[in-house]
Amino acid sequence: MTSSIAGMRIVRDLRAAECALDEALLKTNVLFGTLISARQETKEAGPFTGHELLQRLIKSQQTLLTAGSDLARVHGGLSNIGREMGAAVHDCPPDGPIGLGEDDVARIAA
C-alpha cells in the first residue's frame, strides 16, 4: 500500500468515525425525547417513571461527547503525522470534521 492510499483510507475511516459519533448523539437525543413524551402521554406512567434510565441515557451522551473529544485529538495527531511525513494533509475546517468528495470515496473504495 502506498502512503497516498493509506492516507486516503485513514481520512475515509476517520470521517466515518466522526459521523458515527454524531449519528449516535442524534439517535440518543431522539430516544430521550421519545421517552419523555411516552412518560407524559401514558396514563399509567408517573412523573418520575424511568428517571434513573433517563439519567443513564444522559450519561451515555456525555460518554459520546468525551469520545468525540478524544477522536478530535486523534484527528489532530494524524494531521501532524501526515505533515511530518510530507503527505497531502486535507485542511480541516476549524469548526467541523474533515470531508470527502464523491470522487475521493469512489477512489478509496476501489
C-alpha atoms as a PDB file:
ATOM      1  CA  MET A   1       0.000   0.000   0.000  1.00  0.00           C
ATOM      2  CA  THR A   2       1.340   3.402  -0.875  1.00  0.00           C
ATOM      3  CA  SER A   3       1.426   6.254   1.606  1.00  0.00           C
ATOM      4  CA  SER A   4      -1.094   8.092  -0.532  1.00  0.00           C
ATOM      5  CA  ILE A   5      -3.619   5.230  -0.425  1.00  0.00           C
ATOM      6  CA  ALA A   6      -3.030   4.738   3.309  1.00  0.00           C
ATOM      7  CA  GLY A   7      -3.660   8.435   3.865  1.00  0.00           C
ATOM      8  CA  MET A   8      -6.881   8.386   1.847  1.00  0.00           C
ATOM      9  CA  ARG A   9      -8.129   5.359   3.751  1.00  0.00           C
ATOM     10  CA  ILE A  10      -7.313   6.985   7.075  1.00  0.00           C
ATOM     11  CA  VAL A  11      -9.197  10.118   6.002  1.00  0.00           C
ATOM     12  CA  ARG A  12     -12.180   7.990   4.926  1.00  0.00           C
ATOM     13  CA  ASP A  13     -12.264   5.978   8.147  1.00  0.00           C
ATOM     14  CA  LEU A  14     -11.694   8.986  10.379  1.00  0.00           C
ATOM     15  CA  ARG A  15     -14.573  10.808   8.709  1.00  0.00           C
ATOM     16  CA  ALA A  16     -16.777   7.731   9.115  1.00  0.00           C
ATOM     17  CA  ALA A  17     -15.917   7.545  12.825  1.00  0.00           C
ATOM     18  CA  GLU A  18     -16.690  11.237  13.311  1.00  0.00           C
ATOM     19  CA  CYS A  19     -20.019  10.868  11.518  1.00  0.00           C
ATOM     20  CA  ALA A  20     -20.895   7.752  13.531  1.00  0.00           C
ATOM     21  CA  LEU A  21     -20.387   9.625  16.794  1.00  0.00           C
ATOM     22  CA  ASP A  22     -22.609  12.453  15.598  1.00  0.00           C
ATOM     23  CA  GLU A  23     -25.240   9.957  14.484  1.00  0.00           C
ATOM     24  CA  ALA A  24     -25.137   8.198  17.864  1.00  0.00           C
ATOM     25  CA  LEU A  25     -25.620  11.540  19.617  1.00  0.00           C
ATOM     26  CA  LEU A  26     -28.578  12.361  17.402  1.00  0.00           C
ATOM     27  CA  LYS A  27     -30.187   8.965  17.948  1.00  0.00           C
ATOM     28  CA  THR A  28     -29.791   9.085  21.728  1.00  0.00           C
ATOM     29  CA  ASN A  29     -31.231  12.589  21.702  1.00  0.00           C
ATOM     30  CA  VAL A  30     -34.281  11.384  19.751  1.00  0.00           C
ATOM     31  CA  LEU A  31     -34.628   8.474  22.175  1.00  0.00           C
ATOM     32  CA  PHE A  32     -34.545  10.881  25.108  1.00  0.00           C
ATOM     33  CA  GLY A  33     -37.366  12.931  23.604  1.00  0.00           C
ATOM     34  CA  THR A  34     -39.391   9.819  22.883  1.00  0.00           C
ATOM     35  CA  LEU A  35     -39.001   8.599  26.464  1.00  0.00           C
ATOM     36  CA  ILE A  36     -40.141  11.935  27.896  1.00  0.00           C
ATOM     37  CA  SER A  37     -43.113  12.060  25.503  1.00  0.00           C
ATOM     38  CA  ALA A  38     -44.078   8.497  26.371  1.00  0.00           C
ATOM     39  CA  ARG A  39     -43.932   9.314  30.064  1.00  0.00           C
ATOM     40  CA  GLN A  40     -46.110  12.382  29.613  1.00  0.00           C
ATOM     41  CA  GLU A  41     -48.644  10.732  27.318  1.00  0.00           C
ATOM     42  CA  THR A  42     -49.045   7.385  29.082  1.00  0.00           C
ATOM     43  CA  LYS A  43     -51.733   7.367  31.738  1.00  0.00           C
ATOM     44  CA  GLU A  44     -50.051   4.629  33.761  1.00  0.00           C
ATOM     45  CA  ALA A  45     -46.703   6.428  33.960  1.00  0.00           C
ATOM     46  CA  GLY A  46     -45.975   8.717  36.864  1.00  0.00           C
ATOM     47  CA  PRO A  47     -43.978  11.956  36.598  1.00  0.00           C
ATOM     48  CA  PHE A  48     -40.768  10.192  37.645  1.00  0.00           C
ATOM     49  CA  THR A  49     -41.181   6.896  35.795  1.00  0.00           C
ATOM     50  CA  GLY A  50     -37.885   5.894  34.222  1.00  0.00           C
ATOM     51  CA  HIS A  51     -35.993   8.750  35.844  1.00  0.00           C
ATOM     52  CA  GLU A  52     -32.929   6.628  36.574  1.00  0.00           C
ATOM     53  CA  LEU A  53     -32.927   5.380  32.982  1.00  0.00           C
ATOM     54  CA  LEU A  54     -33.021   8.945  31.689  1.00  0.00           C
ATOM     55  CA  GLN A  55     -30.016   9.715  33.873  1.00  0.00           C
ATOM     56  CA  ARG A  56     -28.165   6.743  32.371  1.00  0.00           C
ATOM     57  CA  LEU A  57     -29.068   7.900  28.880  1.00  0.00           C
ATOM     58  CA  ILE A  58     -27.669  11.360  29.629  1.00  0.00           C
ATOM     59  CA  LYS A  59     -24.529   9.685  30.965  1.00  0.00           C
ATOM     60  CA  SER A  60     -24.213   7.753  27.695  1.00  0.00           C
ATOM     61  CA  GLN A  61     -24.475  11.042  25.787  1.00  0.00           C
ATOM     62  CA  GLN A  62     -21.724  12.536  27.944  1.00  0.00           C
ATOM     63  CA  THR A  63     -19.590   9.496  27.170  1.00  0.00           C
ATOM     64  CA  LEU A  64     -20.182  10.006  23.454  1.00  0.00           C
ATOM     65  CA  LEU A  65     -19.129  13.644  23.772  1.00  0.00           C
ATOM     66  CA  THR A  66     -15.956  12.591  25.582  1.00  0.00           C
ATOM     67  CA  ALA A  67     -15.274  10.066  22.823  1.00  0.00           C
ATOM     68  CA  GLY A  68     -15.729  12.869  20.298  1.00  0.00           C
ATOM     69  CA  SER A  69     -13.145  14.976  22.108  1.00  0.00           C
ATOM     70  CA  ASP A  70     -10.695  12.078  22.089  1.00  0.00           C
ATOM     71  CA  LEU A  71     -11.372  11.458  18.403  1.00  0.00           C
ATOM     72  CA  ALA A  72     -10.694  15.140  17.680  1.00  0.00           C
ATOM     73  CA  ARG A  73      -7.302  14.740  19.369  1.00  0.00           C
ATOM     74  CA  VAL A  74      -6.620  11.669  17.220  1.00  0.00           C
ATOM     75  CA  HIS A  75      -7.602  13.718  14.178  1.00  0.00           C
ATOM     76  CA  GLY A  76      -5.144  16.452  15.121  1.00  0.00           C
ATOM     77  CA  GLY A  77      -2.396  13.949  15.808  1.00  0.00           C
ATOM     78  CA  LEU A  78      -2.932  12.223  12.467  1.00  0.00           C
ATOM     79  CA  SER A  79      -2.785  15.585  10.713  1.00  0.00           C
ATOM     80  CA  ASN A  80       0.559  16.269  12.414  1.00  0.00           C
ATOM     81  CA  ILE A  81       1.905  12.859  11.381  1.00  0.00           C
ATOM     82  CA  GLY A  82       0.778  13.495   7.806  1.00  0.00           C
ATOM     83  CA  ARG A  83       2.601  16.805   7.724  1.00  0.00           C
ATOM     84  CA  GLU A  84       5.756  15.240   9.199  1.00  0.00           C
ATOM     85  CA  MET A  85       5.673  12.530   6.538  1.00  0.00           C
ATOM     86  CA  GLY A  86       5.161  15.075   3.780  1.00  0.00           C
ATOM     87  CA  ALA A  87       1.774  13.631   2.883  1.00  0.00           C
ATOM     88  CA  ALA A  88      -1.019  15.711   1.430  1.00  0.00           C
ATOM     89  CA  VAL A  89      -2.986  16.675   4.504  1.00  0.00           C
ATOM     90  CA  HIS A  90      -6.509  17.879   3.944  1.00  0.00           C
ATOM     91  CA  ASP A  91      -7.130  21.188   5.611  1.00  0.00           C
ATOM     92  CA  CYS A  92      -9.695  20.623   8.288  1.00  0.00           C
ATOM     93  CA  PRO A  93     -12.348  23.226   8.853  1.00  0.00           C
ATOM     94  CA  PRO A  94     -11.817  24.900  12.236  1.00  0.00           C
ATOM     95  CA  ASP A  95     -15.374  24.183  13.304  1.00  0.00           C
ATOM     96  CA  GLY A  96     -16.004  20.730  11.882  1.00  0.00           C
ATOM     97  CA  PRO A  97     -14.655  17.389  10.755  1.00  0.00           C
ATOM     98  CA  ILE A  98     -12.899  16.688   7.510  1.00  0.00           C
ATOM     99  CA  GLY A  99     -14.940  15.800   4.489  1.00  0.00           C
ATOM    100  CA  LEU A 100     -14.563  13.705   1.411  1.00  0.00           C
ATOM    101  CA  GLY A 101     -15.936  14.320  -2.027  1.00  0.00           C
ATOM    102  CA  GLU A 102     -17.744  11.652  -4.031  1.00  0.00           C
ATOM    103  CA  ASP A 103     -14.661  11.129  -6.228  1.00  0.00           C
ATOM    104  CA  ASP A 104     -12.449  10.552  -3.179  1.00  0.00           C
ATOM    105  CA  VAL A 105     -14.821   7.936  -1.766  1.00  0.00           C
ATOM    106  CA  ALA A 106     -15.024   6.080  -5.083  1.00  0.00           C
ATOM    107  CA  ARG A 107     -11.225   6.087  -5.481  1.00  0.00           C
ATOM    108  CA  ILE A 108     -10.641   4.796  -1.924  1.00  0.00           C
ATOM    109  CA  ALA A 109     -13.271   2.074  -2.277  1.00  0.00           C
ATOM    110  CA  ALA A 110     -11.669   0.756  -5.472  1.00  0.00           C
END
